[in-house]
N, C-alpha and C. Protein backbone atom coordinates (compact mmCIF):
# COMPACT_ATOMS: atom_id res chain seq x y z
N MET A 1 146.51 97.71 125.67
CA MET A 1 147.75 97.86 125.01
C MET A 1 147.96 96.79 123.61
N ILE A 2 148.11 97.53 122.57
CA ILE A 2 148.14 96.77 121.45
C ILE A 2 149.55 96.10 121.35
N ALA A 3 149.46 94.61 121.15
CA ALA A 3 150.95 94.01 120.90
C ALA A 3 151.31 94.10 119.66
N PRO A 4 153.02 93.92 119.55
CA PRO A 4 153.68 94.25 118.33
C PRO A 4 152.82 93.32 116.98
N ALA A 5 153.31 93.68 116.13
CA ALA A 5 153.15 92.84 114.57
C ALA A 5 153.29 91.55 114.94
N HIS A 6 152.30 90.68 114.48
CA HIS A 6 152.57 89.39 114.33
C HIS A 6 151.73 88.71 113.27
N LEU A 7 152.15 88.38 112.33
CA LEU A 7 151.55 87.82 111.03
C LEU A 7 151.40 86.39 110.81
N VAL A 8 150.46 85.97 110.55
CA VAL A 8 149.79 84.45 110.62
C VAL A 8 149.55 84.08 109.15
N PHE A 9 150.13 83.10 108.58
CA PHE A 9 149.82 82.76 107.20
C PHE A 9 149.04 81.43 107.39
N VAL A 10 147.81 80.98 106.76
CA VAL A 10 146.93 79.87 106.78
C VAL A 10 146.63 79.67 105.41
N THR A 11 147.09 78.45 104.92
CA THR A 11 146.53 78.06 103.56
C THR A 11 146.17 76.63 103.53
N GLY A 12 145.62 76.17 102.50
CA GLY A 12 145.12 75.12 102.39
C GLY A 12 144.22 74.72 100.93
N GLY A 13 143.55 73.68 100.48
CA GLY A 13 142.76 73.53 99.46
C GLY A 13 141.47 73.86 99.94
N ALA A 14 140.66 73.74 99.11
CA ALA A 14 139.08 73.85 99.22
C ALA A 14 138.47 73.04 99.93
N ARG A 15 137.85 73.72 101.04
CA ARG A 15 137.13 72.75 102.17
C ARG A 15 137.81 72.48 103.05
N SER A 16 139.22 72.74 103.11
CA SER A 16 140.29 71.99 104.30
C SER A 16 140.39 72.33 105.51
N GLY A 17 139.46 73.57 105.80
CA GLY A 17 138.96 73.91 107.28
C GLY A 17 140.26 75.13 107.44
N LYS A 18 140.57 75.88 106.53
CA LYS A 18 141.51 76.91 106.72
C LYS A 18 140.82 78.37 107.33
N SER A 19 139.70 78.40 106.94
CA SER A 19 138.90 79.64 107.36
C SER A 19 138.54 79.27 108.67
N ALA A 20 138.02 78.38 109.16
CA ALA A 20 137.51 78.04 110.48
C ALA A 20 138.74 77.79 111.29
N PHE A 21 140.04 77.46 110.94
CA PHE A 21 141.19 77.55 111.62
C PHE A 21 141.53 78.90 111.75
N ALA A 22 141.60 79.86 110.87
CA ALA A 22 141.82 81.30 110.94
C ALA A 22 141.07 81.82 111.72
N GLU A 23 139.62 81.58 111.90
CA GLU A 23 138.71 82.47 113.04
C GLU A 23 139.04 81.95 114.17
N ARG A 24 139.45 80.41 114.43
CA ARG A 24 139.94 80.08 115.69
C ARG A 24 140.88 80.88 116.55
N ARG A 25 141.72 81.24 115.42
CA ARG A 25 143.43 81.39 115.70
C ARG A 25 143.14 83.15 116.18
N ALA A 26 142.32 83.79 115.51
CA ALA A 26 141.76 85.12 115.75
C ALA A 26 141.09 85.19 116.94
N ALA A 27 140.07 84.47 117.30
CA ALA A 27 139.31 84.50 118.43
C ALA A 27 140.09 84.12 119.61
N ALA A 28 140.82 83.08 119.62
CA ALA A 28 141.92 82.85 120.75
C ALA A 28 142.76 84.09 121.21
N SER A 29 142.78 85.09 120.55
CA SER A 29 143.52 86.24 121.05
C SER A 29 142.76 86.90 122.32
N GLY A 30 141.60 86.85 122.14
CA GLY A 30 140.57 87.57 123.18
C GLY A 30 140.40 89.04 122.96
N GLU A 31 141.00 89.39 121.67
CA GLU A 31 141.13 90.67 121.41
C GLU A 31 139.90 90.96 120.35
N GLY A 32 139.70 92.20 120.11
CA GLY A 32 138.47 92.66 119.14
C GLY A 32 139.30 92.34 117.87
N VAL A 33 138.14 91.78 116.52
CA VAL A 33 138.76 91.29 115.37
C VAL A 33 137.79 91.98 114.49
N THR A 34 138.72 92.31 113.35
CA THR A 34 137.95 92.91 112.15
C THR A 34 138.18 91.65 110.94
N TYR A 35 137.22 91.41 110.62
CA TYR A 35 137.06 90.41 109.11
C TYR A 35 137.08 91.03 108.05
N LEU A 36 138.01 91.10 107.32
CA LEU A 36 138.34 91.86 106.22
C LEU A 36 138.15 90.91 105.02
N ALA A 37 137.09 90.91 104.31
CA ALA A 37 136.66 89.90 103.37
C ALA A 37 136.71 90.61 101.94
N THR A 38 136.92 89.48 100.86
CA THR A 38 137.64 90.05 99.76
C THR A 38 136.58 89.52 98.67
N ALA A 39 135.66 88.76 98.90
CA ALA A 39 134.42 87.94 98.16
C ALA A 39 134.18 89.09 97.56
N GLN A 40 133.67 88.98 96.17
CA GLN A 40 132.50 89.57 95.33
C GLN A 40 131.44 88.62 94.93
N ALA A 41 130.04 88.81 94.85
CA ALA A 41 129.07 88.49 94.48
C ALA A 41 128.77 88.25 93.32
N PHE A 42 129.15 87.25 92.17
CA PHE A 42 128.96 87.65 90.64
C PHE A 42 127.86 86.91 90.72
N ASP A 43 127.09 86.03 91.11
CA ASP A 43 126.16 85.08 91.08
C ASP A 43 125.18 84.74 92.41
N ALA A 44 124.31 83.94 92.33
CA ALA A 44 123.47 83.94 93.50
C ALA A 44 123.93 83.10 94.29
N GLU A 45 124.72 82.08 93.92
CA GLU A 45 125.58 80.88 94.59
C GLU A 45 126.46 81.65 95.68
N MET A 46 127.21 82.50 94.88
CA MET A 46 128.43 83.36 95.75
C MET A 46 127.61 84.20 96.71
N GLU A 47 126.47 84.93 96.39
CA GLU A 47 125.81 85.56 97.27
C GLU A 47 125.20 84.99 98.70
N ASP A 48 124.79 83.62 98.37
CA ASP A 48 124.47 82.99 99.59
C ASP A 48 125.75 82.36 100.45
N ARG A 49 126.58 82.02 99.53
CA ARG A 49 127.86 81.87 100.31
C ARG A 49 128.54 83.04 101.23
N ILE A 50 128.28 84.30 100.92
CA ILE A 50 129.00 85.47 101.41
C ILE A 50 127.85 85.57 102.66
N ARG A 51 126.49 85.63 102.36
CA ARG A 51 125.54 85.61 103.56
C ARG A 51 125.79 84.86 104.57
N ARG A 52 125.98 83.30 104.20
CA ARG A 52 126.27 82.49 105.41
C ARG A 52 127.65 82.73 106.05
N HIS A 53 128.62 83.09 105.39
CA HIS A 53 129.83 83.60 106.17
C HIS A 53 129.64 84.76 107.02
N ARG A 54 128.92 85.65 106.88
CA ARG A 54 128.31 87.00 107.58
C ARG A 54 127.95 86.33 108.53
N ALA A 55 126.79 85.54 108.61
CA ALA A 55 126.04 85.01 109.64
C ALA A 55 126.72 84.07 110.61
N ASP A 56 127.82 83.48 110.27
CA ASP A 56 128.71 82.46 110.99
C ASP A 56 129.69 83.41 111.96
N ARG A 57 130.27 84.72 111.45
CA ARG A 57 131.03 85.48 112.18
C ARG A 57 130.43 85.73 113.76
N PRO A 58 131.26 85.77 114.78
CA PRO A 58 131.00 86.36 115.88
C PRO A 58 130.11 87.63 116.08
N ALA A 59 129.30 87.78 116.75
CA ALA A 59 128.49 89.18 116.79
C ALA A 59 129.58 90.29 117.24
N GLY A 60 130.22 90.07 118.03
CA GLY A 60 131.12 91.17 118.35
C GLY A 60 132.27 91.67 117.15
N TRP A 61 132.67 90.91 116.30
CA TRP A 61 133.41 91.11 115.20
C TRP A 61 132.98 92.25 114.14
N GLN A 62 133.92 93.23 113.68
CA GLN A 62 133.80 94.01 112.81
C GLN A 62 133.82 93.38 111.27
N THR A 63 133.30 93.84 110.49
CA THR A 63 133.27 93.37 109.13
C THR A 63 133.59 94.36 108.29
N LEU A 64 134.78 94.12 107.26
CA LEU A 64 135.15 95.32 106.07
C LEU A 64 135.20 94.34 104.95
N GLU A 65 134.43 94.79 103.91
CA GLU A 65 134.31 94.09 102.60
C GLU A 65 135.12 94.93 101.66
N GLU A 66 136.22 94.56 101.00
CA GLU A 66 136.88 95.16 100.22
C GLU A 66 137.32 94.26 99.21
N PRO A 67 137.19 94.18 97.99
CA PRO A 67 137.65 93.43 97.05
C PRO A 67 138.83 93.75 96.22
N LEU A 68 139.33 95.28 96.14
CA LEU A 68 140.32 95.50 95.51
C LEU A 68 141.42 96.16 96.35
N GLU A 69 141.15 97.19 97.10
CA GLU A 69 141.86 98.03 97.71
C GLU A 69 142.18 97.63 99.05
N VAL A 70 142.70 96.41 99.06
CA VAL A 70 142.95 95.69 100.53
C VAL A 70 144.00 96.23 101.17
N PRO A 71 145.06 96.81 100.57
CA PRO A 71 146.15 97.32 101.44
C PRO A 71 145.42 98.47 102.21
N ALA A 72 144.82 99.51 101.50
CA ALA A 72 144.52 100.47 102.17
C ALA A 72 143.55 100.04 103.27
N ALA A 73 142.75 99.13 103.11
CA ALA A 73 141.65 98.65 103.98
C ALA A 73 142.33 98.10 105.04
N VAL A 74 143.70 97.73 105.11
CA VAL A 74 144.55 97.16 106.49
C VAL A 74 145.09 98.47 107.20
N HIS A 75 145.07 99.36 106.47
CA HIS A 75 145.29 100.68 107.24
C HIS A 75 144.30 101.46 107.90
N ARG A 76 143.33 100.83 107.63
CA ARG A 76 141.94 101.66 108.09
C ARG A 76 141.24 100.45 109.49
N VAL A 77 141.80 99.61 109.69
CA VAL A 77 141.51 98.75 110.61
C VAL A 77 141.92 99.07 112.08
N GLN A 78 141.26 99.04 112.89
CA GLN A 78 141.44 100.01 114.33
C GLN A 78 141.60 98.67 115.46
N THR A 79 141.27 97.53 114.98
CA THR A 79 141.07 96.45 116.22
C THR A 79 142.32 95.82 116.32
N PRO A 80 142.54 95.12 117.52
CA PRO A 80 143.97 94.41 117.51
C PRO A 80 144.12 93.33 116.84
N VAL A 81 143.09 92.72 116.12
CA VAL A 81 143.34 91.53 115.37
C VAL A 81 142.59 91.75 114.02
N LEU A 82 143.14 91.36 112.97
CA LEU A 82 142.82 91.50 111.66
C LEU A 82 142.73 89.93 111.07
N LEU A 83 141.78 89.83 110.59
CA LEU A 83 141.71 88.18 110.04
C LEU A 83 141.17 88.91 108.31
N LEU A 84 142.15 88.45 107.28
CA LEU A 84 142.05 88.82 106.07
C LEU A 84 141.58 87.41 105.22
N ASP A 85 140.34 87.28 104.68
CA ASP A 85 140.05 85.96 103.96
C ASP A 85 139.20 86.64 102.74
N CYS A 86 139.89 86.34 101.80
CA CYS A 86 141.07 85.80 101.56
C CYS A 86 142.10 86.13 100.46
N LEU A 87 143.43 86.03 100.14
CA LEU A 87 144.13 86.31 99.46
C LEU A 87 143.93 85.77 97.99
N SER A 88 143.34 84.43 98.03
CA SER A 88 142.84 84.03 96.71
C SER A 88 141.85 84.66 95.92
N LEU A 89 141.01 85.00 96.61
CA LEU A 89 139.93 86.16 96.06
C LEU A 89 140.46 87.61 95.44
N TRP A 90 141.27 87.94 96.28
CA TRP A 90 141.84 89.17 96.02
C TRP A 90 142.45 89.16 94.85
N VAL A 91 143.44 88.03 94.69
CA VAL A 91 144.35 88.14 93.33
C VAL A 91 143.72 87.91 92.22
N SER A 92 142.54 87.01 92.44
CA SER A 92 141.50 86.83 91.33
C SER A 92 140.72 88.14 91.00
N ASN A 93 140.50 88.84 91.97
CA ASN A 93 139.73 90.10 91.69
C ASN A 93 140.53 91.14 90.86
N LEU A 94 141.93 91.20 91.22
CA LEU A 94 142.91 92.08 90.63
C LEU A 94 143.19 91.64 89.26
N MET A 95 143.13 90.34 89.08
CA MET A 95 143.44 89.86 87.63
C MET A 95 142.21 90.28 86.59
N LEU A 96 140.74 90.13 87.38
CA LEU A 96 139.81 90.70 86.53
C LEU A 96 139.91 92.27 86.25
N THR A 97 140.65 93.07 86.76
CA THR A 97 140.89 94.26 86.34
C THR A 97 142.02 94.64 85.21
N ASP A 98 142.33 93.59 84.88
CA ASP A 98 143.61 93.52 83.83
C ASP A 98 144.78 94.24 84.16
N LEU A 99 145.26 94.23 85.27
CA LEU A 99 146.38 94.46 85.89
C LEU A 99 147.23 93.43 85.37
N PRO A 100 148.62 93.68 85.21
CA PRO A 100 149.79 92.98 84.58
C PRO A 100 150.23 92.23 85.88
N ASP A 101 150.93 91.16 85.98
CA ASP A 101 151.31 90.39 86.84
C ASP A 101 152.20 91.20 87.57
N GLU A 102 153.38 91.83 87.44
CA GLU A 102 154.14 93.05 88.11
C GLU A 102 153.26 93.64 88.77
N ALA A 103 152.30 94.45 88.38
CA ALA A 103 151.43 95.09 89.17
C ALA A 103 150.76 94.63 90.34
N ILE A 104 150.17 93.38 89.93
CA ILE A 104 149.51 92.47 91.04
C ILE A 104 150.65 91.98 92.16
N LEU A 105 151.87 91.67 91.73
CA LEU A 105 152.76 91.51 92.91
C LEU A 105 153.25 92.59 93.76
N ALA A 106 153.23 93.80 93.04
CA ALA A 106 153.45 94.95 93.70
C ALA A 106 152.64 95.48 94.68
N ARG A 107 151.39 95.03 94.37
CA ARG A 107 150.12 95.57 95.17
C ARG A 107 150.28 94.29 96.45
N ALA A 108 150.66 93.11 96.12
CA ALA A 108 150.87 92.21 97.22
C ALA A 108 151.91 92.60 98.29
N ASP A 109 153.26 93.03 97.79
CA ASP A 109 154.09 93.53 98.41
C ASP A 109 153.46 94.72 99.25
N THR A 110 152.69 95.56 98.73
CA THR A 110 152.09 96.53 99.52
C THR A 110 151.35 96.01 100.70
N LEU A 111 150.44 95.05 100.33
CA LEU A 111 149.83 94.53 101.57
C LEU A 111 150.59 93.91 102.65
N LEU A 112 151.51 93.06 102.00
CA LEU A 112 152.59 92.53 103.04
C LEU A 112 153.15 93.59 104.08
N THR A 113 153.59 94.77 103.47
CA THR A 113 154.19 95.62 104.56
C THR A 113 153.16 96.22 105.10
N ALA A 114 152.04 96.42 104.73
CA ALA A 114 150.89 97.00 105.76
C ALA A 114 150.60 96.07 106.91
N ALA A 115 150.59 94.78 106.27
CA ALA A 115 150.35 93.82 107.50
C ALA A 115 151.55 93.61 108.44
N ARG A 116 152.93 93.93 108.13
CA ARG A 116 153.96 93.46 108.77
C ARG A 116 154.31 94.55 109.86
N THR A 117 153.67 95.90 109.50
CA THR A 117 153.82 97.21 110.34
C THR A 117 152.65 97.61 110.98
N ARG A 118 151.63 96.68 110.68
CA ARG A 118 150.47 96.92 111.63
C ARG A 118 150.33 96.48 113.06
N PRO A 119 150.38 97.14 114.25
CA PRO A 119 150.51 96.42 115.29
C PRO A 119 149.20 95.29 115.46
N GLY A 120 149.97 94.63 116.29
CA GLY A 120 148.75 93.43 116.64
C GLY A 120 149.06 92.23 115.56
N LEU A 121 147.84 91.22 115.86
CA LEU A 121 147.84 90.24 115.18
C LEU A 121 146.83 90.05 113.57
N THR A 122 147.73 89.68 112.68
CA THR A 122 147.05 89.81 111.66
C THR A 122 147.10 88.64 110.75
N VAL A 123 145.84 87.77 110.47
CA VAL A 123 146.09 86.25 109.84
C VAL A 123 145.49 86.44 108.66
N LEU A 124 146.49 85.98 107.79
CA LEU A 124 145.96 85.95 106.14
C LEU A 124 145.53 84.26 105.91
N VAL A 125 144.42 84.25 105.03
CA VAL A 125 143.97 82.99 104.51
C VAL A 125 144.19 83.12 103.07
N THR A 126 144.41 82.02 102.71
CA THR A 126 144.73 81.76 100.92
C THR A 126 144.42 80.51 100.71
N ASN A 127 144.20 80.08 99.25
CA ASN A 127 144.15 78.89 99.03
C ASN A 127 145.39 78.15 98.34
N GLU A 128 145.92 77.17 98.78
CA GLU A 128 146.96 76.34 97.98
C GLU A 128 146.36 75.94 96.68
N VAL A 129 146.87 76.18 95.48
CA VAL A 129 146.54 75.88 94.22
C VAL A 129 147.46 75.14 93.24
N GLY A 130 148.75 75.16 94.18
CA GLY A 130 149.91 74.14 93.23
C GLY A 130 149.95 72.69 93.36
N LEU A 131 149.00 72.25 94.26
CA LEU A 131 149.32 70.78 94.29
C LEU A 131 148.60 69.75 93.23
N GLY A 132 147.91 70.53 92.24
CA GLY A 132 147.07 69.73 91.34
C GLY A 132 148.29 69.58 90.17
N ILE A 133 147.56 69.29 89.18
CA ILE A 133 147.95 69.06 87.65
C ILE A 133 147.97 70.52 87.23
N VAL A 134 149.01 70.69 86.14
CA VAL A 134 148.95 71.82 85.29
C VAL A 134 147.71 72.08 84.76
N PRO A 135 146.86 73.29 85.01
CA PRO A 135 146.07 73.71 84.32
C PRO A 135 145.92 73.61 82.67
N ASP A 136 145.05 73.43 82.23
CA ASP A 136 144.86 73.25 80.61
C ASP A 136 144.71 74.50 79.70
N ASN A 137 144.60 75.73 80.81
CA ASN A 137 144.31 76.87 79.85
C ASN A 137 145.39 77.98 80.47
N ALA A 138 145.49 78.92 79.59
CA ALA A 138 146.49 80.16 80.26
C ALA A 138 145.85 80.95 81.15
N LEU A 139 144.74 81.17 81.34
CA LEU A 139 144.31 82.13 82.55
C LEU A 139 144.27 81.27 83.59
N ALA A 140 144.18 79.97 83.67
CA ALA A 140 144.48 79.02 84.90
C ALA A 140 145.62 78.99 85.36
N ARG A 141 146.48 78.89 84.24
CA ARG A 141 147.84 78.74 84.71
C ARG A 141 148.54 80.24 85.25
N ARG A 142 148.10 81.44 84.93
CA ARG A 142 148.61 82.31 85.01
C ARG A 142 147.80 82.85 86.67
N TYR A 143 146.76 82.37 87.09
CA TYR A 143 146.06 82.36 88.18
C TYR A 143 146.87 81.46 89.10
N ARG A 144 147.28 80.35 88.77
CA ARG A 144 147.97 79.61 89.69
C ARG A 144 149.60 80.07 89.90
N ASP A 145 150.11 80.62 88.94
CA ASP A 145 151.23 81.09 89.20
C ASP A 145 151.36 82.36 89.74
N LEU A 146 150.46 83.29 89.80
CA LEU A 146 150.44 84.47 90.42
C LEU A 146 150.19 84.31 91.92
N LEU A 147 149.13 83.43 92.30
CA LEU A 147 148.86 83.34 93.60
C LEU A 147 150.07 82.63 94.30
N GLY A 148 150.61 81.63 93.65
CA GLY A 148 151.84 80.95 94.33
C GLY A 148 152.77 81.84 94.54
N TRP A 149 153.03 82.56 93.72
CA TRP A 149 154.02 83.80 93.88
C TRP A 149 153.63 84.86 95.15
N VAL A 150 152.27 85.07 95.51
CA VAL A 150 151.77 85.86 96.27
C VAL A 150 152.08 85.19 97.66
N ASN A 151 151.30 83.74 97.47
CA ASN A 151 151.54 82.82 98.71
C ASN A 151 153.07 82.83 99.39
N GLN A 152 153.80 82.58 98.29
CA GLN A 152 155.47 82.50 98.81
C GLN A 152 155.76 83.75 99.42
N ARG A 153 155.38 85.02 99.07
CA ARG A 153 155.78 86.12 99.60
C ARG A 153 155.38 86.27 101.06
N ALA A 154 153.81 86.01 101.31
CA ALA A 154 153.08 86.15 102.36
C ALA A 154 153.79 85.31 103.49
N ALA A 155 153.99 83.78 102.93
CA ALA A 155 154.40 82.80 103.99
C ALA A 155 156.05 83.43 104.45
N ALA A 156 156.67 83.65 103.48
CA ALA A 156 158.02 84.30 103.99
C ALA A 156 158.01 85.49 104.87
N ALA A 157 157.10 86.33 104.74
CA ALA A 157 156.88 87.57 105.41
C ALA A 157 156.34 87.02 106.98
N SER A 158 155.86 86.16 106.93
CA SER A 158 154.92 85.69 108.07
C SER A 158 155.76 84.98 109.22
N ASP A 159 155.21 85.26 110.72
CA ASP A 159 155.96 85.00 111.88
C ASP A 159 155.45 83.29 112.06
N GLU A 160 154.27 82.81 111.76
CA GLU A 160 154.07 81.45 111.57
C GLU A 160 153.25 81.35 110.46
N ALA A 161 153.24 79.97 109.92
CA ALA A 161 152.25 79.51 108.95
C ALA A 161 151.95 78.00 108.90
N TRP A 162 150.54 77.90 108.51
CA TRP A 162 149.96 76.65 108.82
C TRP A 162 149.46 76.15 107.57
N LEU A 163 149.35 75.07 107.30
CA LEU A 163 148.79 74.29 106.12
C LEU A 163 147.59 73.45 106.75
N LEU A 164 146.38 73.79 105.92
CA LEU A 164 145.44 72.71 106.67
C LEU A 164 144.88 71.46 105.63
N ALA A 165 144.82 70.40 106.11
CA ALA A 165 144.42 69.39 105.09
C ALA A 165 143.59 68.47 105.88
N SER A 166 142.21 68.21 105.41
CA SER A 166 141.33 67.36 105.84
C SER A 166 140.92 68.12 107.22
N GLY A 167 140.94 69.26 107.32
CA GLY A 167 140.43 69.90 108.84
C GLY A 167 141.63 69.86 109.68
N LEU A 168 143.00 69.18 109.38
CA LEU A 168 143.91 69.06 110.39
C LEU A 168 145.10 70.17 110.24
N PRO A 169 145.30 70.97 111.15
CA PRO A 169 146.60 72.01 110.82
C PRO A 169 147.61 71.32 111.06
N LEU A 170 148.63 71.98 109.83
CA LEU A 170 150.05 71.27 109.92
C LEU A 170 151.11 72.71 110.03
N GLN A 171 151.86 72.93 110.97
CA GLN A 171 152.50 73.81 111.22
C GLN A 171 153.54 73.76 110.23
N LEU A 172 153.84 74.90 109.49
CA LEU A 172 155.17 75.05 108.56
C LEU A 172 155.95 76.08 108.98
N LYS A 173 155.77 76.76 109.75
CA LYS A 173 156.65 77.60 110.49
C LYS A 173 156.22 77.98 111.80
N PRO A 174 157.44 77.69 112.68
CA PRO A 174 156.92 77.73 114.30
C PRO A 174 157.30 79.37 114.54
N THR A 175 156.41 79.58 115.81
CA THR A 175 156.53 80.79 116.28
C THR A 175 157.52 80.54 117.86
N PRO A 176 157.79 81.55 118.37
CA PRO A 176 158.72 81.23 119.47
C PRO A 176 158.14 80.69 120.51
N PHE A 177 156.60 81.00 120.66
CA PHE A 177 155.82 80.49 121.92
C PHE A 177 155.61 78.72 121.45
N LEU A 178 155.70 78.47 120.44
CA LEU A 178 155.35 77.23 119.93
C LEU A 178 156.59 76.04 119.78
N THR A 179 158.00 76.95 119.93
CA THR A 179 159.00 76.19 119.66
C THR A 179 159.29 75.21 120.88
N PRO A 180 159.70 73.71 120.96
CA PRO A 180 159.90 73.03 121.99
C PRO A 180 161.03 73.49 122.75
N HIS A 181 160.94 73.06 124.05
CA HIS A 181 162.34 73.67 125.03
C HIS A 181 163.12 72.35 124.70
N PRO A 182 164.48 72.60 124.88
CA PRO A 182 165.69 71.77 124.79
C PRO A 182 165.52 70.84 125.89
């Protein structure tokens, strides 16, 4: 029996441990997992990163690679657990298609609706890019702003939210089973 929808939001900076935490969260369910990857290999270094990520995943996990049509991919997932890694690359991929901001935000809303209505556990991974200085160019500022807005929407829609810092998870939004007893 598949559990009702439960959305987990995991954010942090580069190399903060967010993907490893999200993978542990997905595996802890003991259920079948689909790993929905949004990365695209534009160079040899990224090809190597993607290859390493594939090799590190548990053998029983299914992998679905979709850089653009992520909401539709969410609807295709049949396992009780979905791990989407990551929103940051997805937003970047959408920006590369020259979509206007409003269209990207609308796609994010469609993705969140798909995730909220999908039975089972969905774990969304993203980068926190708003803690640094204001970028010095318009494209970087646009990316920072768009991803920040997408992250805010995803965190608000989630049942639990986590920030990873130096490998340590900080709970931002509790779940009923983690709420302390009075």
